[in-house]
Amino acid sequence: MSAAAVPPEQVLEHLEVFQAIANANSGNRASGTSGYRASVDYVLGRLRAAGYAPRVQDFSFPFFLELSPATVSAGGTQLPAEDVAVMSYSGSGTVTAPVQAVGMTGEPGAGTSGCKAEDFDGFRAGNVALLRRGTCAFAVKAANAQAAGASAVLIVNTGLPGQEGVLDGTLGGPGAVTIPVVGLSYAAGTALLGGGEVTVTTETVSESRETTNVLVETGTGDPERTVMVGAHLDSVPEGPGINDNASGSAGILAIAEALAGTQTENNVRFAWWGAEELGLRGSQHYVDDLKANDPAALEAIALYLNFDMIASPNHGRFVYDGDASAFGPEDGSVPAPAGSAAIEAAFHEHFGSVGLASGETEFSGRSDYGPFIAEGVPAGGLFTGAEGIKTVEQAALFGGRAGVGYDFCYHGSCDDLSNVDVRALDEMTDAASAVVLRFANSTLDLEEEGRQLRSVMAPVPAATVDQGHGPSNAAEEKQVS
């Protein structure tokens, strides 16, 4: 197999099928839905047709879906939509009752409001609790309010710099809180301090559901040096997810098809992850399962390559910054295991060999490589950009428009086939296939980097080496407190 062995029309064919699946299933392919199950079935069918014996790995995950936007009305007037946001895993319902503030004033600042059961001494059961953000998790505040008899909970932002807008939060998981829980902007929340009747409406689904990872391997090379290649298969509920991340899923599916029957020095394992959009659930489950039940198999993973969004309409050709030359902790980057720099170099070398400019993106842990690097597995991959804004310098390097997002439809209903840059998709798939094949035949670059790093770091006591990692999917997660 070579990079040229992955026909661009085959990748587009996969994208067209994923779009058709979304069209036939409420417009999305989110984990826990019929659209995701159909996506899994398609990948399985293509792999079997290529001669593979794929397997599925089922797991449970916390599912949440907002069926319609939350609303809050006071004095017969509905608050502006931009001031109101349902908390993930909120209960569903419509409540009309007096609002009662608990431990908060109109002054800006975080507070302990609702963090202890005794905060609700004197709270009248049936009222809507008005609480202030601060000190403890939203789930704790909401659970204490529910235990005190609140019919709904409104949690107000602090009003401190950067925390004036609507509070977009999560309760962490389904089941514990069954009443409506809504975040408010500072201005909207403090306007309710005078009391009076409010109507709170949420329409949600909050429950545990089953979903699936799809796994397949070539089995022709050394299983003690497994090259792992992954992309998340699920979309957000808001749209079909064709760039995010049918693009990566289609790209590695075409690579797997091209690699079928090819003899390589190292084993190659492909993974299509479920529930990435809800906190890297699929890849985390996979790594946790190996760690608990087959640590030798985890140790045998020589590297992990991740492809999450590789066709953004206003794209850059970004490679994960495995050598920390461009980004550091102040940029949200986290330490990359030894070998990651060699992976980054391999991608840049490919782009240079075909006359294409490439840049770097922070090693933030926000995609499915996060659970792997947390266990010391070298990682890298490609990314064409999400909600970030393209700079003037990047526009000069890659083309496109400066001052606007890389993906105008990121996590939106318009992330469909029209949201894909076909040329970028072709270039990134070629780069992915070239690097997959390179490491499928040799991991000496990674091993040499590891030896050099161990030599340099040998005098340093292990306890002084920071092995921490950042929050998974940091730019996509909601606030928890």
Protein backbone atom coordinates (compact mmCIF):
# COMPACT_ATOMS: atom_id res chain seq x y z
CA MET A 1 0.00 0.00 0.00
CA SER A 2 1.12 3.58 -0.64
CA ALA A 3 -0.50 6.93 -0.06
CA ALA A 4 -1.65 6.85 -3.68
CA ALA A 5 -3.39 3.53 -3.00
CA VAL A 6 -6.19 5.29 -1.10
CA PRO A 7 -8.55 6.62 -3.78
CA PRO A 8 -10.11 9.98 -2.79
CA GLU A 9 -13.42 8.92 -4.36
CA GLN A 10 -13.55 5.99 -1.93
CA VAL A 11 -13.26 8.33 1.07
CA LEU A 12 -16.00 10.53 -0.42
CA GLU A 13 -18.18 7.47 -0.95
CA HIS A 14 -17.92 6.71 2.77
CA LEU A 15 -18.85 10.31 3.61
CA GLU A 16 -21.88 10.15 1.35
CA VAL A 17 -23.08 7.04 3.14
CA PHE A 18 -22.59 8.65 6.57
CA GLN A 19 -24.61 11.65 5.35
CA ALA A 20 -27.38 9.35 4.10
CA ILE A 21 -27.39 7.58 7.47
CA ALA A 22 -27.79 10.89 9.30
CA ASN A 23 -30.58 11.95 6.92
CA ALA A 24 -32.47 8.74 7.68
CA ASN A 25 -31.96 9.02 11.45
CA SER A 26 -33.12 12.38 12.78
CA GLY A 27 -30.23 14.24 11.22
CA ASN A 28 -27.42 12.87 13.39
CA ARG A 29 -25.19 9.90 14.16
CA ALA A 30 -24.78 10.45 17.91
CA SER A 31 -23.79 7.54 20.14
CA GLY A 32 -26.77 5.78 21.65
CA THR A 33 -28.98 6.54 18.64
CA SER A 34 -30.12 4.64 15.56
CA GLY A 35 -27.84 6.84 13.41
CA TYR A 36 -24.77 5.67 15.30
CA ARG A 37 -25.82 2.02 15.14
CA ALA A 38 -26.25 2.35 11.37
CA SER A 39 -22.79 3.93 11.13
CA VAL A 40 -21.32 0.98 13.03
CA ASP A 41 -23.10 -1.47 10.74
CA TYR A 42 -21.69 0.30 7.68
CA VAL A 43 -18.11 0.19 8.97
CA LEU A 44 -18.48 -3.47 9.92
CA GLY A 45 -19.86 -4.33 6.48
CA ARG A 46 -17.03 -2.59 4.64
CA LEU A 47 -14.39 -4.24 6.81
CA ARG A 48 -15.87 -7.70 6.31
CA ALA A 49 -16.06 -7.12 2.58
CA ALA A 50 -12.34 -6.29 2.65
CA GLY A 51 -11.60 -9.63 4.27
CA TYR A 52 -11.26 -8.54 7.89
CA ALA A 53 -12.86 -10.08 10.97
CA PRO A 54 -13.81 -6.96 12.95
CA ARG A 55 -15.07 -7.05 16.50
CA VAL A 56 -17.26 -4.74 18.51
CA GLN A 57 -16.72 -3.63 22.08
CA ASP A 58 -19.94 -2.61 23.83
CA PHE A 59 -19.99 -0.27 26.81
CA SER A 60 -22.43 1.87 28.76
CA PHE A 61 -22.22 5.64 28.81
CA PRO A 62 -24.23 8.56 30.20
CA PHE A 63 -26.52 9.81 27.43
CA PHE A 64 -28.03 13.29 27.38
CA LEU A 65 -30.13 15.00 24.74
CA GLU A 66 -31.88 18.36 24.86
CA LEU A 67 -35.07 17.89 22.84
CA SER A 68 -35.94 21.59 22.86
CA PRO A 69 -34.27 24.69 24.31
CA ALA A 70 -34.80 25.40 28.00
CA THR A 71 -36.87 28.47 28.82
CA VAL A 72 -37.32 30.62 31.92
CA SER A 73 -40.11 33.19 32.22
CA ALA A 74 -40.59 35.78 34.97
CA GLY A 75 -43.51 38.16 35.28
CA GLY A 76 -44.95 36.79 32.07
CA THR A 77 -41.81 37.64 30.07
CA GLN A 78 -39.46 34.97 28.75
CA LEU A 79 -35.79 35.57 29.42
CA PRO A 80 -33.61 35.96 26.30
CA ALA A 81 -32.41 32.63 24.93
CA GLU A 82 -28.78 33.71 25.23
CA ASP A 83 -29.19 34.05 29.02
CA VAL A 84 -30.53 30.52 29.56
CA ALA A 85 -28.89 27.10 29.14
CA VAL A 86 -30.03 23.70 30.36
CA MET A 87 -27.45 21.83 32.42
CA SER A 88 -26.41 18.51 30.91
CA TYR A 89 -28.20 15.61 32.66
CA SER A 90 -30.94 17.92 33.91
CA GLY A 91 -34.33 16.43 34.52
CA SER A 92 -37.24 17.24 32.25
CA GLY A 93 -40.46 19.12 32.99
CA THR A 94 -42.33 22.40 33.32
CA VAL A 95 -42.52 24.09 36.71
CA THR A 96 -44.34 27.27 37.73
CA ALA A 97 -43.55 28.37 41.28
CA PRO A 98 -42.10 31.21 43.37
CA VAL A 99 -38.34 31.66 43.04
CA GLN A 100 -36.39 31.63 46.31
CA ALA A 101 -32.75 32.72 46.58
CA VAL A 102 -30.45 30.54 48.66
CA GLY A 103 -27.32 32.13 50.12
CA MET A 104 -26.72 34.71 47.41
CA THR A 105 -26.80 38.47 46.91
CA GLY A 106 -26.62 40.72 43.89
CA GLU A 107 -22.91 41.45 44.28
CA PRO A 108 -20.51 39.77 41.82
CA GLY A 109 -18.56 36.85 43.22
CA ALA A 110 -18.55 33.10 43.67
CA GLY A 111 -20.36 31.64 46.65
CA THR A 112 -21.01 28.55 48.71
CA SER A 113 -24.71 28.89 47.86
CA GLY A 114 -26.32 25.44 48.03
CA CYS A 115 -23.16 23.49 48.80
CA LYS A 116 -24.47 22.21 52.13
CA ALA A 117 -27.83 20.78 53.13
CA GLU A 118 -28.15 23.37 55.89
CA ASP A 119 -28.05 26.15 53.30
CA PHE A 120 -31.66 25.20 52.61
CA ASP A 121 -32.88 25.66 56.18
CA GLY A 122 -36.03 27.73 55.78
CA PHE A 123 -36.42 26.84 52.10
CA ARG A 124 -40.04 26.31 51.16
CA ALA A 125 -40.66 22.99 49.43
CA GLY A 126 -42.06 23.43 45.92
CA ASN A 127 -40.24 26.69 45.24
CA VAL A 128 -37.63 27.17 42.52
CA ALA A 129 -34.16 27.45 44.08
CA LEU A 130 -31.97 30.33 42.88
CA LEU A 131 -28.30 29.56 43.58
CA ARG A 132 -24.92 31.14 42.85
CA ARG A 133 -22.04 29.39 41.11
CA GLY A 134 -19.02 28.62 43.29
CA THR A 135 -17.10 26.34 45.70
CA CYS A 136 -18.73 23.00 44.87
CA ALA A 137 -19.96 21.12 41.82
CA PHE A 138 -23.28 22.03 40.23
CA ALA A 139 -24.40 18.45 40.82
CA VAL A 140 -23.94 18.93 44.59
CA LYS A 141 -25.94 22.17 44.59
CA ALA A 142 -28.73 20.65 42.51
CA ALA A 143 -28.92 17.48 44.61
CA ASN A 144 -29.11 19.47 47.84
CA ALA A 145 -31.87 21.64 46.37
CA GLN A 146 -33.81 18.59 45.22
CA ALA A 147 -33.47 17.00 48.67
CA ALA A 148 -34.86 20.22 50.18
CA GLY A 149 -37.95 19.94 47.99
CA ALA A 150 -37.07 22.39 45.21
CA SER A 151 -39.18 21.92 42.07
CA ALA A 152 -36.43 23.32 39.83
CA VAL A 153 -32.98 24.88 40.17
CA LEU A 154 -31.55 28.02 38.58
CA ILE A 155 -27.76 28.47 38.96
CA VAL A 156 -26.42 31.96 38.29
CA ASN A 157 -22.98 32.89 36.96
CA THR A 158 -20.72 34.85 39.30
CA GLY A 159 -20.54 38.19 37.49
CA LEU A 160 -16.74 38.16 37.85
CA PRO A 161 -14.65 39.01 34.76
CA GLY A 162 -15.19 36.30 32.15
CA GLN A 163 -18.12 34.83 34.10
CA GLU A 164 -20.91 37.24 33.25
CA GLY A 165 -22.51 35.23 30.46
CA VAL A 166 -24.84 32.26 30.51
CA LEU A 167 -23.65 29.38 32.68
CA ASP A 168 -23.27 26.31 30.47
CA GLY A 169 -22.78 23.45 32.91
CA THR A 170 -23.15 19.75 33.54
CA LEU A 171 -24.40 17.64 36.43
CA GLY A 172 -21.91 14.93 35.52
CA GLY A 173 -24.27 12.08 34.74
CA PRO A 174 -27.88 10.92 34.68
CA GLY A 175 -30.09 9.80 37.52
CA ALA A 176 -29.04 11.75 40.60
CA VAL A 177 -31.06 14.90 39.79
CA THR A 178 -34.49 14.52 38.20
CA ILE A 179 -35.82 18.09 38.41
CA PRO A 180 -35.10 20.82 35.82
CA VAL A 181 -31.70 22.47 36.33
CA VAL A 182 -30.84 25.55 34.27
CA GLY A 183 -27.85 27.89 34.13
CA LEU A 184 -28.37 31.66 33.88
CA SER A 185 -26.25 34.66 33.05
CA TYR A 186 -25.30 36.95 35.92
CA ALA A 187 -27.67 39.70 34.77
CA ALA A 188 -30.64 37.38 34.27
CA GLY A 189 -30.10 35.62 37.58
CA THR A 190 -29.66 38.67 39.76
CA ALA A 191 -32.81 40.18 38.22
CA LEU A 192 -34.75 37.35 39.90
CA LEU A 193 -33.52 38.14 43.41
CA GLY A 194 -36.68 40.10 44.16
CA GLY A 195 -38.70 36.89 44.15
CA GLY A 196 -41.96 36.38 42.33
CA GLU A 197 -43.23 33.52 40.22
CA VAL A 198 -41.17 31.92 37.47
CA THR A 199 -41.86 29.22 34.92
CA VAL A 200 -39.01 26.87 34.08
CA THR A 201 -39.26 24.42 31.18
CA THR A 202 -36.78 21.75 30.14
CA GLU A 203 -37.30 18.89 27.70
CA THR A 204 -34.48 16.38 27.97
CA VAL A 205 -33.48 12.73 27.81
CA SER A 206 -31.01 11.80 30.54
CA GLU A 207 -30.18 8.11 30.97
CA SER A 208 -27.55 5.40 30.64
CA ARG A 209 -27.29 3.88 27.17
CA GLU A 210 -25.21 1.27 25.35
CA THR A 211 -22.87 2.06 22.49
CA THR A 212 -19.99 0.45 20.63
CA ASN A 213 -16.37 0.71 19.58
CA VAL A 214 -15.39 -1.05 16.34
CA LEU A 215 -11.94 -2.69 16.28
CA VAL A 216 -10.05 -4.57 13.59
CA GLU A 217 -6.42 -5.48 13.00
CA THR A 218 -4.31 -6.64 10.12
CA GLY A 219 -2.72 -9.43 12.16
CA THR A 220 0.12 -9.76 9.64
CA GLY A 221 2.91 -8.14 11.66
CA ASP A 222 4.52 -8.23 15.08
CA PRO A 223 1.76 -8.01 17.72
CA GLU A 224 4.34 -6.76 20.23
CA ARG A 225 4.70 -3.59 18.13
CA THR A 226 1.09 -2.71 17.38
CA VAL A 227 0.44 0.52 15.51
CA MET A 228 -2.97 1.78 16.59
CA VAL A 229 -5.01 4.09 14.36
CA GLY A 230 -8.22 5.71 15.58
CA ALA A 231 -11.03 8.14 14.81
CA HIS A 232 -14.31 8.78 16.57
CA LEU A 233 -17.38 7.61 14.69
CA ASP A 234 -20.07 9.53 16.57
CA SER A 235 -21.46 12.97 15.81
CA VAL A 236 -23.00 15.46 18.20
CA PRO A 237 -26.81 15.25 18.44
CA GLU A 238 -27.10 18.62 16.70
CA GLY A 239 -25.97 17.43 13.29
CA PRO A 240 -24.65 14.71 10.96
CA GLY A 241 -21.00 15.29 11.91
CA ILE A 242 -19.52 14.91 8.44
CA ASN A 243 -16.34 16.86 9.14
CA ASP A 244 -16.50 16.04 12.87
CA ASN A 245 -15.81 13.23 12.53
CA ALA A 246 -17.04 11.23 9.56
CA SER A 247 -13.99 12.68 7.81
CA GLY A 248 -11.51 10.91 10.08
CA SER A 249 -13.65 7.77 10.21
CA ALA A 250 -13.92 7.61 6.42
CA GLY A 251 -10.22 8.29 6.01
CA ILE A 252 -9.05 5.46 8.23
CA LEU A 253 -11.71 3.12 6.81
CA ALA A 254 -10.30 3.68 3.32
CA ILE A 255 -6.76 3.13 4.66
CA ALA A 256 -7.82 -0.11 6.35
CA GLU A 257 -9.40 -1.29 3.11
CA ALA A 258 -6.24 -0.47 1.17
CA LEU A 259 -4.06 -2.23 3.76
CA ALA A 260 -6.11 -5.45 3.78
CA GLY A 261 -3.90 -8.43 2.98
CA THR A 262 -0.70 -6.37 3.00
CA GLN A 263 2.26 -7.86 4.87
CA THR A 264 3.85 -5.39 7.29
CA GLU A 265 6.51 -5.73 9.96
CA ASN A 266 4.18 -4.54 12.71
CA ASN A 267 0.55 -5.28 13.46
CA VAL A 268 -1.88 -2.44 12.69
CA ARG A 269 -5.09 -2.06 14.68
CA PHE A 270 -7.85 0.34 13.61
CA ALA A 271 -10.49 1.71 16.00
CA TRP A 272 -13.69 3.64 15.44
CA TRP A 273 -14.61 5.10 18.82
CA GLY A 274 -18.07 5.65 20.26
CA ALA A 275 -19.20 8.47 22.57
CA GLU A 276 -16.17 10.69 21.99
CA GLU A 277 -18.44 13.71 21.97
CA LEU A 278 -19.53 12.94 25.53
CA GLY A 279 -16.04 12.90 27.01
CA LEU A 280 -13.85 10.38 25.12
CA ARG A 281 -15.93 7.55 26.55
CA GLY A 282 -15.09 4.92 23.93
CA SER A 283 -11.31 5.31 23.88
CA GLN A 284 -11.22 5.67 27.66
CA HIS A 285 -13.23 2.46 28.06
CA TYR A 286 -10.87 0.65 25.70
CA VAL A 287 -7.73 1.78 27.53
CA ASP A 288 -9.24 1.10 30.97
CA ASP A 289 -10.29 -2.38 29.87
CA LEU A 290 -6.79 -3.21 28.64
CA LYS A 291 -5.21 -1.76 31.76
CA ALA A 292 -7.43 -3.88 34.02
CA ASN A 293 -7.67 -7.11 32.02
CA ASP A 294 -4.77 -7.29 29.56
CA PRO A 295 -1.92 -4.95 30.53
CA ALA A 296 0.46 -6.79 28.22
CA ALA A 297 -1.71 -5.80 25.24
CA LEU A 298 -1.62 -2.17 26.37
CA GLU A 299 2.16 -2.39 26.68
CA ALA A 300 2.32 -3.80 23.12
CA ILE A 301 0.78 -0.62 21.61
CA ALA A 302 3.84 1.07 20.13
CA LEU A 303 2.01 4.26 19.19
CA TYR A 304 -1.45 5.71 18.65
CA LEU A 305 -2.38 7.86 15.63
CA ASN A 306 -5.51 10.01 15.88
CA PHE A 307 -7.56 11.56 13.07
CA ASP A 308 -10.30 13.86 14.34
CA MET A 309 -11.55 16.40 11.76
CA ILE A 310 -9.44 16.25 8.59
CA ALA A 311 -11.60 18.17 6.09
CA SER A 312 -12.45 21.53 7.68
CA PRO A 313 -13.71 24.06 5.11
CA ASN A 314 -11.30 26.82 6.23
CA HIS A 315 -8.63 24.29 7.11
CA GLY A 316 -5.05 24.27 8.24
CA ARG A 317 -2.72 21.27 7.89
CA PHE A 318 -2.07 20.81 11.57
CA VAL A 319 0.09 18.12 13.18
CA TYR A 320 -0.04 17.42 16.92
CA ASP A 321 2.92 19.14 18.58
CA GLY A 322 4.65 16.04 19.93
CA ASP A 323 7.96 17.76 20.69
CA ALA A 324 6.40 20.73 22.55
CA SER A 325 8.25 23.16 20.28
CA ALA A 326 5.25 25.36 19.55
CA PHE A 327 2.94 24.97 22.55
CA GLY A 328 3.36 24.62 26.29
CA PRO A 329 1.22 24.38 29.43
CA GLU A 330 0.24 28.03 29.10
CA ASP A 331 -1.42 27.12 25.78
CA GLY A 332 -3.31 24.15 27.22
CA SER A 333 -0.78 21.63 25.97
CA VAL A 334 0.11 18.57 28.06
CA PRO A 335 3.28 16.44 28.20
CA ALA A 336 3.64 14.05 25.27
CA PRO A 337 5.18 10.62 25.89
CA ALA A 338 8.59 9.82 24.40
CA GLY A 339 8.19 8.89 20.75
CA SER A 340 5.56 11.55 20.06
CA ALA A 341 8.15 13.90 18.58
CA ALA A 342 9.12 11.24 16.03
CA ILE A 343 5.47 10.90 15.03
CA GLU A 344 5.17 14.65 14.55
CA ALA A 345 8.34 14.67 12.46
CA ALA A 346 7.02 11.87 10.25
CA PHE A 347 3.93 13.89 9.33
CA HIS A 348 5.93 17.07 8.64
CA GLU A 349 8.36 15.04 6.54
CA HIS A 350 5.51 13.67 4.44
CA PHE A 351 3.99 17.09 3.83
CA GLY A 352 7.40 18.48 2.92
CA SER A 353 8.00 15.64 0.47
CA VAL A 354 4.87 16.57 -1.50
CA GLY A 355 5.44 20.32 -1.34
CA LEU A 356 2.73 21.17 1.20
CA ALA A 357 3.11 23.49 4.18
CA SER A 358 2.16 22.12 7.58
CA GLY A 359 1.70 23.66 11.00
CA GLU A 360 1.21 22.47 14.55
CA THR A 361 -1.65 22.18 17.01
CA GLU A 362 -1.43 21.86 20.77
CA PHE A 363 -1.25 18.46 22.43
CA SER A 364 -4.30 19.29 24.56
CA GLY A 365 -5.73 15.84 25.27
CA ARG A 366 -9.10 16.92 23.89
CA SER A 367 -9.50 13.98 21.49
CA ASP A 368 -9.16 10.21 21.69
CA TYR A 369 -5.39 10.19 22.06
CA GLY A 370 -5.90 11.55 25.59
CA PRO A 371 -6.41 8.17 27.34
CA PHE A 372 -3.41 6.73 25.49
CA ILE A 373 -0.91 9.44 26.40
CA ALA A 374 -2.11 9.20 30.01
CA GLU A 375 -0.71 5.65 29.96
CA GLY A 376 2.56 6.67 28.32
CA VAL A 377 1.72 5.59 24.76
CA PRO A 378 3.40 7.82 22.14
CA ALA A 379 0.78 9.58 20.05
CA GLY A 380 0.24 11.97 17.20
CA GLY A 381 -2.12 12.73 14.38
CA LEU A 382 -3.73 15.29 12.14
CA PHE A 383 -6.32 18.03 12.61
CA THR A 384 -7.66 20.67 10.23
CA GLY A 385 -9.23 22.93 12.86
CA ALA A 386 -12.50 23.34 14.73
CA GLU A 387 -13.92 26.46 16.39
CA GLY A 388 -10.59 28.30 16.54
CA ILE A 389 -9.94 31.39 14.40
CA LYS A 390 -7.54 31.25 11.46
CA THR A 391 -4.76 33.81 11.70
CA VAL A 392 -3.40 35.99 8.92
CA GLU A 393 -0.19 33.96 8.98
CA GLN A 394 -2.10 30.69 8.66
CA ALA A 395 -4.16 32.03 5.77
CA ALA A 396 -0.94 32.92 3.98
CA LEU A 397 0.39 29.42 4.64
CA PHE A 398 -2.69 27.31 3.91
CA GLY A 399 -5.05 29.59 2.02
CA GLY A 400 -8.58 30.30 3.19
CA ARG A 401 -9.96 33.22 5.19
CA ALA A 402 -8.25 34.88 8.13
CA GLY A 403 -10.29 36.08 11.08
CA VAL A 404 -12.96 33.37 10.90
CA GLY A 405 -13.21 29.81 12.19
CA TYR A 406 -11.60 26.78 10.59
CA ASP A 407 -14.98 25.05 10.64
CA PHE A 408 -17.94 27.42 10.37
CA CYS A 409 -20.33 24.57 11.20
CA TYR A 410 -18.44 23.03 14.12
CA HIS A 411 -20.93 21.01 16.20
CA GLY A 412 -23.79 22.42 14.17
CA SER A 413 -26.61 21.10 12.02
CA CYS A 414 -24.78 22.38 8.93
CA ASP A 415 -21.83 20.01 9.41
CA ASP A 416 -22.90 18.08 6.33
CA LEU A 417 -21.30 17.16 3.01
CA SER A 418 -21.22 20.81 1.97
CA ASN A 419 -19.01 21.52 5.00
CA VAL A 420 -16.11 19.42 3.69
CA ASP A 421 -13.06 20.65 1.78
CA VAL A 422 -12.39 17.76 -0.61
CA ARG A 423 -8.83 18.81 -1.38
CA ALA A 424 -7.95 18.99 2.33
CA LEU A 425 -9.57 15.61 2.88
CA ASP A 426 -7.45 14.10 0.10
CA GLU A 427 -4.22 15.69 1.35
CA MET A 428 -4.78 14.64 4.95
CA THR A 429 -5.83 11.10 4.06
CA ASP A 430 -2.69 10.75 1.92
CA ALA A 431 -0.58 11.94 4.87
CA ALA A 432 -2.37 9.57 7.24
CA SER A 433 -1.88 6.57 4.97
CA ALA A 434 1.80 7.39 4.39
CA VAL A 435 2.56 7.66 8.12
CA VAL A 436 0.49 4.60 9.04
CA LEU A 437 2.45 2.57 6.48
CA ARG A 438 5.76 4.03 7.66
CA PHE A 439 5.23 2.92 11.25
CA ALA A 440 3.61 -0.34 10.19
CA ASN A 441 7.00 -1.20 8.71
CA SER A 442 9.28 0.30 11.36
CA THR A 443 9.04 1.95 14.77
CA LEU A 444 12.81 2.48 15.11
CA ASP A 445 12.40 6.28 15.12
CA LEU A 446 10.16 6.09 18.18
CA GLU A 447 12.39 3.63 19.97
CA GLU A 448 15.48 5.74 19.34
CA GLU A 449 13.71 8.84 20.70
CA GLY A 450 12.74 6.88 23.80
CA ARG A 451 16.33 5.74 24.34
CA GLN A 452 17.67 9.28 23.96
CA LEU A 453 15.10 10.71 26.36
CA ARG A 454 15.81 8.04 28.95
CA SER A 455 19.51 8.83 28.66
CA VAL A 456 18.94 12.55 29.16
CA MET A 457 16.52 12.07 32.04
CA ALA A 458 18.39 9.27 33.80
CA PRO A 459 19.79 11.49 36.61
CA VAL A 460 16.36 12.98 37.40
CA PRO A 461 14.41 11.24 40.20
CA ALA A 462 11.18 9.79 38.82
CA ALA A 463 9.09 11.61 41.41
CA THR A 464 10.08 14.97 39.91
CA VAL A 465 8.81 14.18 36.41
CA ASP A 466 5.37 15.66 35.80
CA GLN A 467 3.13 12.98 34.29
CA GLY A 468 -0.08 14.97 34.59
CA HIS A 469 -2.47 15.41 31.70
CA GLY A 470 -5.13 17.96 30.87
CA PRO A 471 -8.90 17.52 30.82
CA SER A 472 -10.28 15.39 27.99
CA ASN A 473 -12.05 17.35 25.27
CA ALA A 474 -11.39 20.52 27.20
CA ALA A 475 -12.82 22.90 24.61
CA GLU A 476 -16.01 20.87 24.31
CA GLU A 477 -16.75 19.98 27.93
CA LYS A 478 -19.20 21.97 29.97
CA GLN A 479 -18.33 23.43 33.36
CA VAL A 480 -18.94 21.14 36.33
CA SER A 481 -18.71 23.77 39.07
